[in-house]
Protein backbone atom coordinates (compact mmCIF):
# COMPACT_ATOMS: atom_id res chain seq x y z
CA MET A 1 0.26 6.28 1.38
CA ASN A 2 0.19 4.01 -1.61
CA GLY A 3 1.14 0.49 -0.63
CA ILE A 4 2.94 -0.17 -3.90
CA ALA A 5 4.73 3.15 -4.27
CA ARG A 6 8.38 2.79 -3.40
CA ALA A 7 11.12 5.26 -2.62
CA GLY A 8 12.97 6.37 -5.71
CA ALA A 9 10.84 4.32 -8.11
CA LEU A 10 12.49 4.18 -11.50
CA PRO A 11 10.68 5.82 -14.43
CA TYR A 12 10.62 2.51 -16.36
CA SER A 13 9.36 0.48 -13.39
CA ARG A 14 5.92 -1.01 -13.60
CA PRO A 15 3.82 -1.88 -10.53
CA PRO A 16 4.66 -5.28 -9.01
CA MET A 17 2.52 -8.26 -9.91
CA VAL A 18 0.31 -8.41 -6.83
CA PHE A 19 -1.46 -11.67 -6.01
CA SER A 20 -4.79 -9.88 -6.13
CA SER A 21 -4.40 -8.74 -9.73
CA VAL A 22 -6.11 -10.03 -12.84
CA ILE A 23 -2.80 -10.77 -14.58
CA PHE A 24 -1.61 -12.91 -11.67
CA LEU A 25 -4.91 -14.74 -11.15
CA PHE A 26 -5.66 -15.50 -14.78
CA ALA A 27 -2.26 -15.56 -16.51
CA PHE A 28 0.80 -15.99 -14.31
CA LEU A 29 -0.57 -18.41 -11.71
CA PRO A 30 -2.34 -20.80 -14.14
CA ALA A 31 0.75 -20.85 -16.39
CA VAL A 32 3.06 -21.58 -13.45
CA LEU A 33 0.86 -24.35 -12.03
CA ALA A 34 0.37 -25.95 -15.45
CA GLY A 35 4.06 -25.83 -16.27
CA TYR A 36 5.08 -27.07 -12.84
CA PHE A 37 2.87 -30.15 -12.81
CA LEU A 38 3.46 -31.01 -16.48
CA LEU A 39 7.22 -31.06 -16.02
CA PRO A 40 9.10 -34.04 -14.62
CA ARG A 41 9.97 -33.76 -10.93
CA THR A 42 13.66 -33.20 -11.68
CA ALA A 43 12.88 -30.01 -13.62
CA ARG A 44 10.37 -28.45 -11.20
CA ASN A 45 12.84 -26.55 -9.03
CA ALA A 46 14.46 -24.95 -12.07
CA PHE A 47 11.04 -24.01 -13.41
CA LEU A 48 9.98 -22.50 -10.07
CA LEU A 49 13.19 -20.50 -9.87
CA GLY A 50 12.68 -19.15 -13.38
CA ALA A 51 9.05 -18.26 -12.61
CA SER A 52 10.14 -16.54 -9.39
CA LEU A 53 12.72 -14.42 -11.20
CA LEU A 54 10.11 -13.48 -13.80
CA PHE A 55 7.67 -12.57 -11.02
CA TYR A 56 10.26 -10.28 -9.42
CA ALA A 57 11.42 -8.81 -12.73
CA TRP A 58 7.83 -7.88 -13.62
CA GLY A 59 7.97 -4.88 -11.31
CA GLU A 60 11.69 -4.67 -10.55
CA LEU A 61 13.60 -5.53 -13.72
CA GLY A 62 16.40 -3.07 -12.99
CA TYR A 63 17.10 -4.62 -9.59
CA VAL A 64 16.99 -8.35 -10.28
CA ALA A 65 20.78 -8.09 -10.30
CA VAL A 66 20.75 -6.88 -6.68
CA MET A 67 18.78 -9.91 -5.54
CA LEU A 68 20.96 -12.27 -7.61
CA ALA A 69 24.09 -10.68 -6.11
CA SER A 70 22.66 -11.26 -2.63
CA ILE A 71 21.90 -14.89 -3.48
CA THR A 72 25.38 -15.48 -4.92
CA ALA A 73 27.13 -13.84 -1.98
CA ASN A 74 25.14 -15.74 0.63
CA TYR A 75 25.61 -19.06 -1.16
CA ALA A 76 29.35 -18.44 -0.98
CA PHE A 77 29.16 -17.17 2.60
CA GLY A 78 27.35 -20.34 3.68
CA LEU A 79 30.09 -22.58 2.30
CA TRP A 80 32.84 -20.31 3.65
CA VAL A 81 31.40 -20.20 7.16
CA GLU A 82 30.83 -23.95 7.28
CA ALA A 83 34.42 -24.60 6.21
CA ALA A 84 35.72 -23.02 9.42
CA PRO A 85 35.82 -25.18 12.59
CA LYS A 86 32.82 -24.86 14.90
CA LYS A 87 33.16 -22.32 17.70
CA SER A 88 36.40 -21.05 16.19
CA ARG A 89 37.45 -17.45 15.85
CA ALA A 90 37.64 -17.93 12.08
CA ARG A 91 33.99 -19.02 11.88
CA PHE A 92 32.92 -16.08 14.02
CA LEU A 93 34.84 -13.60 11.84
CA ARG A 94 33.49 -15.10 8.62
CA THR A 95 29.94 -14.96 9.90
CA SER A 96 30.47 -11.37 11.06
CA LEU A 97 31.63 -10.44 7.56
CA ALA A 98 28.61 -12.17 6.00
CA VAL A 99 26.20 -10.41 8.35
CA SER A 100 27.93 -7.06 7.74
CA ALA A 101 27.68 -7.50 3.96
CA ASN A 102 23.96 -8.23 4.16
CA LEU A 103 23.32 -5.32 6.50
CA ALA A 104 25.39 -3.00 4.28
CA LEU A 105 23.15 -3.90 1.32
CA LEU A 106 20.04 -3.13 3.38
CA LEU A 107 21.58 -0.01 4.88
CA TYR A 108 22.40 1.49 1.51
CA PHE A 109 19.18 0.79 -0.34
CA LYS A 110 16.77 1.35 2.54
CA TYR A 111 18.40 3.81 4.92
CA ALA A 112 20.98 5.85 2.98
CA ASN A 113 18.59 8.68 2.17
CA PHE A 114 17.21 8.80 5.72
CA LEU A 115 20.69 8.92 7.27
CA VAL A 116 22.10 11.44 4.80
CA ASP A 117 19.03 13.71 4.97
CA ASN A 118 19.27 13.88 8.76
CA LEU A 119 23.04 14.31 8.71
CA ASN A 120 22.69 17.14 6.19
CA VAL A 121 20.49 19.01 8.66
CA LEU A 122 23.45 19.12 11.05
CA LEU A 123 26.03 19.75 8.34
CA ALA A 124 24.00 22.71 7.12
CA LEU A 125 25.14 24.54 10.27
CA ALA A 126 28.67 24.38 8.85
CA ASP A 127 27.44 25.14 5.33
CA LEU A 128 28.22 21.58 4.21
CA GLN A 129 26.12 18.95 2.46
CA ILE A 130 26.49 15.32 1.40
CA PRO A 131 25.18 15.00 -2.16
CA LEU A 132 23.02 11.91 -2.62
CA GLY A 133 20.24 11.39 -5.09
CA LYS A 134 17.10 9.44 -4.34
CA VAL A 135 18.08 5.81 -3.73
CA HIS A 136 15.55 3.34 -5.09
CA LEU A 137 14.14 0.81 -2.59
CA PRO A 138 14.21 -2.62 -4.28
CA LEU A 139 11.04 -4.57 -3.84
CA GLY A 140 11.06 -6.95 -0.87
CA ILE A 141 14.69 -6.29 0.06
CA SER A 142 13.93 -6.44 3.80
CA PHE A 143 12.37 -9.87 3.43
CA PHE A 144 14.94 -11.56 1.23
CA THR A 145 17.83 -10.02 3.18
CA PHE A 146 16.46 -11.34 6.47
CA GLN A 147 16.04 -14.79 4.91
CA ALA A 148 19.62 -14.72 3.68
CA LEU A 149 20.85 -13.62 7.12
CA SER A 150 19.00 -16.44 8.86
CA TYR A 151 20.53 -18.96 6.43
CA VAL A 152 24.11 -17.86 7.07
CA VAL A 153 23.63 -17.55 10.85
CA ASP A 154 22.01 -20.99 11.05
CA VAL A 155 24.95 -22.45 9.14
CA HIS A 156 27.26 -20.74 11.65
CA ARG A 157 25.32 -22.22 14.57
CA GLY A 158 25.34 -25.68 13.02
CA HIS A 159 21.55 -25.80 12.80
CA VAL A 160 21.69 -26.48 9.04
CA GLN A 161 24.31 -27.58 6.56
CA ALA A 162 25.37 -25.20 3.82
CA ASN A 163 23.74 -26.19 0.55
CA ARG A 164 26.26 -27.09 -2.17
CA ASN A 165 23.74 -26.43 -4.93
CA PRO A 166 23.55 -22.68 -5.74
CA PHE A 167 20.17 -23.13 -7.44
CA ASP A 168 18.68 -24.55 -4.24
CA VAL A 169 19.85 -21.50 -2.30
CA ALA A 170 18.49 -19.26 -5.06
CA LEU A 171 15.10 -21.00 -4.90
CA TYR A 172 14.98 -20.63 -1.11
CA ILE A 173 15.59 -16.88 -1.26
CA ALA A 174 13.71 -16.08 -4.48
CA LEU A 175 10.67 -18.39 -4.23
CA PHE A 176 7.90 -16.13 -5.53
CA PRO A 177 5.10 -16.77 -2.99
CA GLN A 178 7.10 -15.22 -0.14
CA LEU A 179 9.70 -13.20 -2.05
CA ILE A 180 8.45 -9.64 -1.83
CA ALA A 181 6.26 -9.46 1.26
CA GLY A 182 6.97 -12.51 3.39
CA PRO A 183 6.44 -14.42 5.51
CA ILE A 184 10.13 -14.67 6.43
CA VAL A 185 10.85 -18.36 5.86
CA ARG A 186 13.74 -20.10 7.65
CA TYR A 187 15.92 -22.34 5.51
CA ALA A 188 15.73 -25.06 8.19
CA ASP A 189 11.95 -25.19 7.79
CA ILE A 190 12.00 -26.00 4.07
CA ALA A 191 15.49 -27.43 3.45
CA HIS A 192 14.13 -30.95 3.12
CA GLU A 193 11.24 -29.84 0.92
CA ILE A 194 13.51 -28.04 -1.52
CA LYS A 195 15.00 -31.39 -2.50
CA HIS A 196 12.46 -34.02 -1.47
CA ARG A 197 8.98 -32.50 -1.32
CA ARG A 198 5.97 -34.48 -2.41
CA GLU A 199 2.92 -32.67 -3.73
CA SER A 200 -0.50 -34.11 -2.97
CA ILE A 201 -4.13 -33.45 -3.81
CA PRO A 202 -5.05 -32.69 -0.14
CA ASP A 203 -2.16 -30.21 0.09
CA PHE A 204 -3.16 -28.59 -3.20
CA ALA A 205 -6.78 -28.29 -2.06
CA ASP A 206 -5.67 -26.83 1.26
CA GLY A 207 -3.47 -24.39 -0.61
CA VAL A 208 -6.38 -23.26 -2.78
CA ARG A 209 -8.50 -22.78 0.34
CA LEU A 210 -5.80 -20.66 2.00
CA PHE A 211 -5.23 -18.64 -1.17
CA LEU A 212 -8.91 -17.85 -1.67
CA THR A 213 -9.29 -16.97 2.00
CA GLY A 214 -6.41 -14.52 1.71
CA LEU A 215 -7.77 -13.11 -1.55
CA GLY A 216 -11.10 -12.40 0.14
CA LYS A 217 -9.38 -10.76 3.11
CA LYS A 218 -7.40 -8.54 0.77
CA VAL A 219 -9.96 -7.55 -1.84
CA LEU A 220 -13.23 -7.58 0.12
CA ILE A 221 -12.03 -6.15 3.46
CA ALA A 222 -8.56 -4.60 3.30
CA ASN A 223 -9.14 -2.66 0.08
CA PRO A 224 -12.35 -0.83 1.11
CA MET A 225 -10.93 -0.22 4.59
CA GLY A 226 -7.79 1.21 3.01
CA ALA A 227 -9.70 3.53 0.71
CA GLN A 228 -11.55 5.03 3.68
CA ALA A 229 -8.40 5.23 5.80
CA ASP A 230 -6.70 7.11 2.96
CA ALA A 231 -9.64 9.51 2.77
CA VAL A 232 -9.46 10.34 6.49
CA PHE A 233 -5.66 10.63 6.65
CA ALA A 234 -5.66 12.90 3.59
CA LEU A 235 -7.55 15.51 5.58
CA ASP A 236 -5.85 18.25 7.54
CA PRO A 237 -5.82 16.87 11.12
CA ALA A 238 -6.19 20.42 12.46
CA GLY A 239 -9.83 20.33 11.33
CA LEU A 240 -10.56 16.72 12.24
CA PRO A 241 -13.14 15.89 14.94
CA ALA A 242 -12.08 13.19 17.42
CA PRO A 243 -14.76 10.64 16.34
CA VAL A 244 -13.67 10.85 12.70
CA ALA A 245 -9.99 10.58 13.69
CA TRP A 246 -10.66 7.42 15.70
CA MET A 247 -12.74 6.02 12.85
CA GLY A 248 -9.84 6.60 10.43
CA LEU A 249 -7.57 4.60 12.73
CA ILE A 250 -10.09 1.77 12.94
CA PHE A 251 -10.25 1.67 9.15
CA PHE A 252 -6.45 1.52 8.97
CA MET A 253 -6.16 -1.08 11.75
CA PHE A 254 -8.41 -3.42 9.80
CA GLN A 255 -6.72 -2.58 6.50
CA LEU A 256 -3.28 -3.42 7.85
CA TYR A 257 -4.35 -6.73 9.40
CA PHE A 258 -6.41 -8.01 6.49
CA ASP A 259 -3.90 -6.74 3.93
CA PHE A 260 -0.91 -8.48 5.45
CA SER A 261 -2.59 -11.56 6.89
CA GLY A 262 -4.38 -11.93 3.56
CA TYR A 263 -1.08 -11.75 1.69
CA SER A 264 0.44 -14.26 4.13
CA ASP A 265 -2.49 -16.64 3.63
CA MET A 266 -2.08 -16.38 -0.14
CA ALA A 267 1.69 -16.91 0.09
CA ILE A 268 1.31 -19.93 2.38
CA GLY A 269 -1.42 -21.30 0.13
CA LEU A 270 0.68 -20.90 -3.02
CA GLY A 271 3.56 -22.68 -1.32
CA ARG A 272 1.26 -25.49 -0.22
CA MET A 273 0.04 -26.01 -3.80
CA VAL A 274 3.58 -26.90 -4.90
CA GLY A 275 4.53 -28.88 -1.80
CA PHE A 276 6.06 -26.27 0.55
CA HIS A 277 4.77 -25.94 4.10
CA PHE A 278 5.40 -22.43 5.40
CA LEU A 279 4.61 -21.74 9.04
CA PRO A 280 1.56 -19.61 9.96
CA ASN A 281 2.26 -15.88 10.19
CA PHE A 282 -0.82 -14.56 12.02
CA HIS A 283 -3.00 -15.98 14.78
CA TYR A 284 -5.87 -13.59 15.50
CA PRO A 285 -3.68 -10.86 17.05
CA TYR A 286 -6.54 -8.49 17.87
CA ILE A 287 -7.98 -10.89 20.45
CA ALA A 288 -4.82 -10.54 22.55
CA LYS A 289 -5.03 -9.09 26.07
CA SER A 290 -1.59 -7.51 26.15
CA LEU A 291 0.98 -6.13 23.74
CA THR A 292 3.29 -9.03 24.63
CA GLU A 293 0.64 -11.51 23.53
CA PHE A 294 -0.12 -9.41 20.45
CA TRP A 295 3.45 -9.84 19.18
CA GLN A 296 3.19 -13.57 19.72
CA ARG A 297 0.28 -13.53 17.27
CA TRP A 298 1.20 -10.74 14.78
CA HIS A 299 3.70 -11.19 11.93
CA ILE A 300 5.07 -14.23 13.76
CA SER A 301 7.89 -14.81 11.28
CA LEU A 302 9.27 -11.31 11.95
CA SER A 303 8.85 -11.29 15.73
CA THR A 304 10.49 -14.72 16.08
CA TRP A 305 13.27 -13.64 13.70
CA PHE A 306 14.14 -10.68 15.94
CA ARG A 307 13.86 -12.90 18.99
CA ASP A 308 16.16 -15.64 17.67
CA TYR A 309 18.71 -13.58 15.76
CA LEU A 310 18.94 -10.40 17.82
CA PHE A 311 17.23 -10.42 21.22
CA THR A 312 18.47 -13.83 22.40
CA PRO A 313 22.08 -13.25 21.22
CA LEU A 314 22.04 -9.94 23.12
CA GLY A 315 21.23 -11.89 26.27
CA GLY A 316 17.43 -11.95 26.11
CA TYR A 317 15.85 -12.14 29.56
CA ARG A 318 18.77 -14.19 30.92
CA CYS A 319 20.82 -11.14 31.80
CA HIS A 320 20.22 -8.42 34.42
CA LYS A 321 16.72 -6.95 34.25
CA VAL A 322 17.90 -3.47 33.30
CA ARG A 323 20.04 -4.91 30.50
CA ALA A 324 17.14 -7.11 29.36
CA TYR A 325 14.82 -4.12 29.11
CA ILE A 326 17.43 -2.14 27.21
CA ASN A 327 17.77 -5.10 24.84
CA LEU A 328 14.00 -5.24 24.41
CA MET A 329 13.78 -1.54 23.61
CA ALA A 330 16.68 -1.72 21.17
CA VAL A 331 15.09 -4.66 19.37
CA PHE A 332 11.73 -2.93 18.98
CA ILE A 333 13.29 0.31 17.82
CA LEU A 334 15.10 -1.71 15.15
CA CYS A 335 11.86 -3.55 14.41
CA GLY A 336 10.19 -0.19 13.87
CA LEU A 337 12.97 0.94 11.55
CA TRP A 338 12.74 -2.37 9.67
CA HIS A 339 9.26 -1.26 8.63
CA GLY A 340 10.55 1.99 7.18
CA ALA A 341 13.35 4.55 7.21
CA SER A 342 11.72 7.45 9.04
CA TRP A 343 11.39 8.96 12.49
CA ASN A 344 7.76 7.85 12.49
CA PHE A 345 8.78 4.20 12.33
CA LEU A 346 11.44 4.69 14.99
CA LEU A 347 8.75 6.11 17.28
CA PHE A 348 6.43 3.27 16.25
CA GLY A 349 8.97 0.83 17.67
CA LEU A 350 9.86 2.93 20.72
CA TYR A 351 6.21 3.48 21.65
CA GLN A 352 5.55 -0.25 21.72
CA ALA A 353 8.84 -0.98 23.49
CA VAL A 354 7.84 1.30 26.37
CA PHE A 355 4.57 -0.57 26.89
CA LEU A 356 6.29 -3.95 26.57
CA VAL A 357 8.72 -2.98 29.32
CA ILE A 358 5.88 -1.72 31.50
CA GLU A 359 4.01 -5.00 30.99
CA ARG A 360 7.09 -6.91 32.14
CA LEU A 361 7.59 -4.64 35.14
CA VAL A 362 4.00 -4.90 36.41
CA ARG A 363 3.70 -8.59 35.42
CA ILE A 364 0.53 -7.94 33.49
CA LYS A 365 -0.33 -11.65 33.17
CA LYS A 366 -0.79 -11.84 36.93
CA ILE A 367 -3.29 -8.94 37.08
CA PRO A 368 -6.82 -10.42 36.91
CA LEU A 369 -8.30 -7.26 35.38
CA PHE A 370 -6.20 -7.74 32.24
CA GLN A 371 -7.61 -11.24 31.73
CA THR A 372 -11.05 -9.74 31.15
CA ALA A 373 -12.52 -7.53 28.41
CA PHE A 374 -10.45 -4.71 29.91
CA GLY A 375 -7.31 -6.43 28.61
CA HIS A 376 -8.73 -6.45 25.07
CA ALA A 377 -9.70 -2.77 25.38
CA TYR A 378 -6.22 -1.89 26.63
CA LEU A 379 -4.56 -3.77 23.75
CA LEU A 380 -6.78 -2.16 21.11
CA PHE A 381 -6.10 1.31 22.53
CA ILE A 382 -2.35 0.72 22.27
CA ILE A 383 -2.63 -0.72 18.76
CA LEU A 384 -4.86 2.08 17.50
CA THR A 385 -2.65 4.83 18.86
CA THR A 386 0.55 3.23 17.60
CA MET A 387 -1.06 3.05 14.15
CA VAL A 388 -0.76 6.85 13.99
CA PHE A 389 3.01 6.56 13.63
CA PHE A 390 2.62 3.74 11.11
CA ARG A 391 0.15 5.57 8.87
CA ALA A 392 0.90 9.29 9.20
CA SER A 393 3.18 10.80 6.59
CA ASP A 394 5.66 12.45 8.98
CA LEU A 395 6.14 13.62 12.57
CA ALA A 396 4.11 16.79 12.09
CA HIS A 397 1.22 14.76 10.68
CA SER A 398 1.49 12.35 13.62
CA ALA A 399 1.43 15.18 16.16
CA GLY A 400 -1.56 16.79 14.50
CA TYR A 401 -3.41 13.49 14.36
CA PHE A 402 -2.80 12.82 18.05
CA ARG A 403 -4.22 16.25 18.86
CA ALA A 404 -7.31 15.41 16.83
CA LEU A 405 -7.71 12.02 18.57
CA PHE A 406 -7.92 13.63 21.98
CA GLY A 407 -10.11 16.55 20.97
CA LEU A 408 -7.31 19.12 20.93
CA ALA A 409 -7.75 20.10 17.28
CA ASP A 410 -10.01 22.90 16.11
CA PRO A 411 -12.48 21.06 13.85
CA LEU A 412 -14.58 23.13 11.50
CA SER A 413 -18.11 22.88 12.80
CA GLY A 414 -19.98 20.05 11.11
CA GLN A 415 -17.65 19.83 8.09
CA TYR A 416 -16.40 16.29 8.75
CA THR A 417 -18.82 13.82 10.27
CA ILE A 418 -18.84 10.03 10.51
CA PRO A 419 -21.75 9.59 8.03
CA LEU A 420 -19.58 11.21 5.32
CA PHE A 421 -17.28 8.20 5.45
CA LEU A 422 -19.81 5.42 5.89
CA ASN A 423 -22.42 3.76 3.72
CA PRO A 424 -24.35 0.50 4.19
CA GLU A 425 -21.74 -1.57 2.33
CA LEU A 426 -18.93 -0.18 4.48
CA VAL A 427 -20.89 -0.85 7.65
CA LEU A 428 -21.25 -4.49 6.58
CA THR A 429 -17.53 -4.59 5.73
CA LEU A 430 -16.68 -3.25 9.20
CA ILE A 431 -18.84 -5.95 10.78
CA ALA A 432 -17.13 -8.60 8.62
CA ALA A 433 -13.73 -7.20 9.61
CA ALA A 434 -14.58 -7.33 13.32
CA LEU A 435 -15.89 -10.89 13.06
CA GLY A 436 -12.99 -11.97 10.83
CA SER A 437 -10.53 -10.71 13.43
CA MET A 438 -11.86 -13.31 15.86
CA PRO A 439 -11.56 -17.12 15.62
CA LEU A 440 -15.21 -17.42 14.64
CA MET A 441 -14.71 -19.68 11.62
CA PRO A 442 -12.63 -22.31 13.48
CA TRP A 443 -15.30 -22.29 16.21
CA LEU A 444 -18.06 -22.82 13.64
CA ALA A 445 -16.09 -25.62 11.97
CA GLY A 446 -15.70 -27.35 15.32
CA TRP A 447 -19.40 -26.86 16.05
CA PHE A 448 -20.37 -28.56 12.78
CA ASP A 449 -17.86 -31.39 13.28
CA ARG A 450 -19.05 -32.13 16.83
CA ARG A 451 -22.52 -32.72 15.43
CA GLY A 452 -21.29 -35.02 12.69
CA TRP A 453 -21.96 -32.46 9.96
CA THR A 454 -18.48 -32.48 8.48
CA ALA A 455 -19.69 -33.10 4.91
CA GLN A 456 -22.17 -30.24 5.17
CA ARG A 457 -19.47 -27.96 6.58
CA GLN A 458 -17.13 -28.81 3.73
CA LEU A 459 -19.84 -28.14 1.14
CA LEU A 460 -20.72 -24.79 2.71
CA ALA A 461 -17.03 -23.85 2.92
CA THR A 462 -16.50 -24.71 -0.75
CA LEU A 463 -19.53 -22.71 -1.86
CA GLY A 464 -18.45 -19.82 0.34
CA LEU A 465 -14.95 -19.76 -1.14
CA LEU A 466 -16.34 -19.86 -4.67
CA ALA A 467 -18.54 -16.90 -3.80
CA VAL A 468 -15.56 -15.06 -2.30
CA PHE A 469 -13.54 -15.68 -5.47
CA ALA A 470 -16.34 -14.52 -7.78
CA TRP A 471 -17.02 -11.41 -5.70
CA SER A 472 -13.30 -10.59 -5.49
CA VAL A 473 -12.87 -10.89 -9.25
CA MET A 474 -15.86 -8.58 -9.80
CA LYS A 475 -14.32 -6.03 -7.45
CA LEU A 476 -10.98 -6.24 -9.24
CA ALA A 477 -12.63 -5.91 -12.63
CA ALA A 478 -14.33 -2.75 -11.36
CA GLY A 479 -10.92 -1.23 -10.60
CA THR A 480 -11.04 -1.37 -6.81
CA HIS A 481 -8.37 0.32 -4.68
CA ASN A 482 -5.74 -2.46 -4.55
CA PRO A 483 -2.37 -1.61 -2.93
CA PHE A 484 -0.23 -3.94 -0.81
CA ILE A 485 1.11 -2.05 2.21
CA TYR A 486 4.01 -4.37 2.94
CA PHE A 487 5.48 -4.09 -0.56
CA ARG A 488 7.24 -0.92 0.57
CA PHE A 489 9.29 -2.86 3.13
């Protein structure tokens, strides 16, 4: 699974400009920062919008028009919805039309092939078929569509006022740090900063720190973990010993976390450099003691989006328990499908929904055993096994991999062993991944500060980040494996 390969990629498309690429680090980003701070404040939004469109067009030139059409439509929808009286039938109908238009865009580009392919299986019984070529998946369409939806719905609810300036709405949706892989930013969180933000040296320095931290996560941990995960998942699971199968999942678990949290750190850091304050998107999810807690820490912008714009409107936990659990399962099935148009992703959501319902039924927070190391072990088992659906290529691959995990495959004697996939550098990377998944650095920072060693801590942190940057650049120059998993969403 190549993180930057996309369904129906056009023959003239080039790979997207990833943050961890030489052209971004040494050409695009310096040019954008220089231009931004050299321009007068009144011109900075226009410059950022132009840079964001260029960033998107770099890998998606043929589909810039789709994003611009979404921006134009949602700008108009916002004004149209706000013009109707609050709590009126007209406002409800206008919002419903706006939501339907956004979902139709997503449905066509992301799910048309999946729906038609499965429908054609049934129609084949009647010797019928629906002709449909491969529909290209525009980069980041799930992210910018969800941002547009939240804008229109928040206008409907009266949480924000519709913006009269179309370029402000365009900047909100197209802002390059979060455009193609999140986090999903709410308009209410940055509405003031779009017009009245004030950049500062402390913010810029904090942004650089966040960006370099994310770059290190991506290049030094996620990339080598991903290369090994790809190697294991490329094997026929029928001949895979259980220890190697579990090791492949551990590689992928770390790849996914450090890839996406690293991207989020870089996106938040880039925003901070130019005065935007995006909310955190990850909070050490692998230290959770339940799946419920995990989703309070993982991809926070997505989980809270589904909570606020789907689960709560459906009734949340305020309705009858059976209805609430049905709502929860529906939301997580849709969350799974948001990640991709396949049966694997549907099962990814359903699998987690079942455990979330069970946790609610047994009131897992009140069971002392789950507040110990057992809770962590339980959570990691659920996460590792659900990763099969996330990473495997199809249902048959998933089924075969599950058989291998539980020793039900027929591995060729001695052909695949753990040492084949490990070397000293990878062992050190695994240790770094395990430690980086825990709040060790905040603990160390607090330890230094309590002893009055703040200056020493800051010096060590600066030297460490410089080393991370230098090492990352060397890895990139050497042509390291460098996909971004979430670009395909």
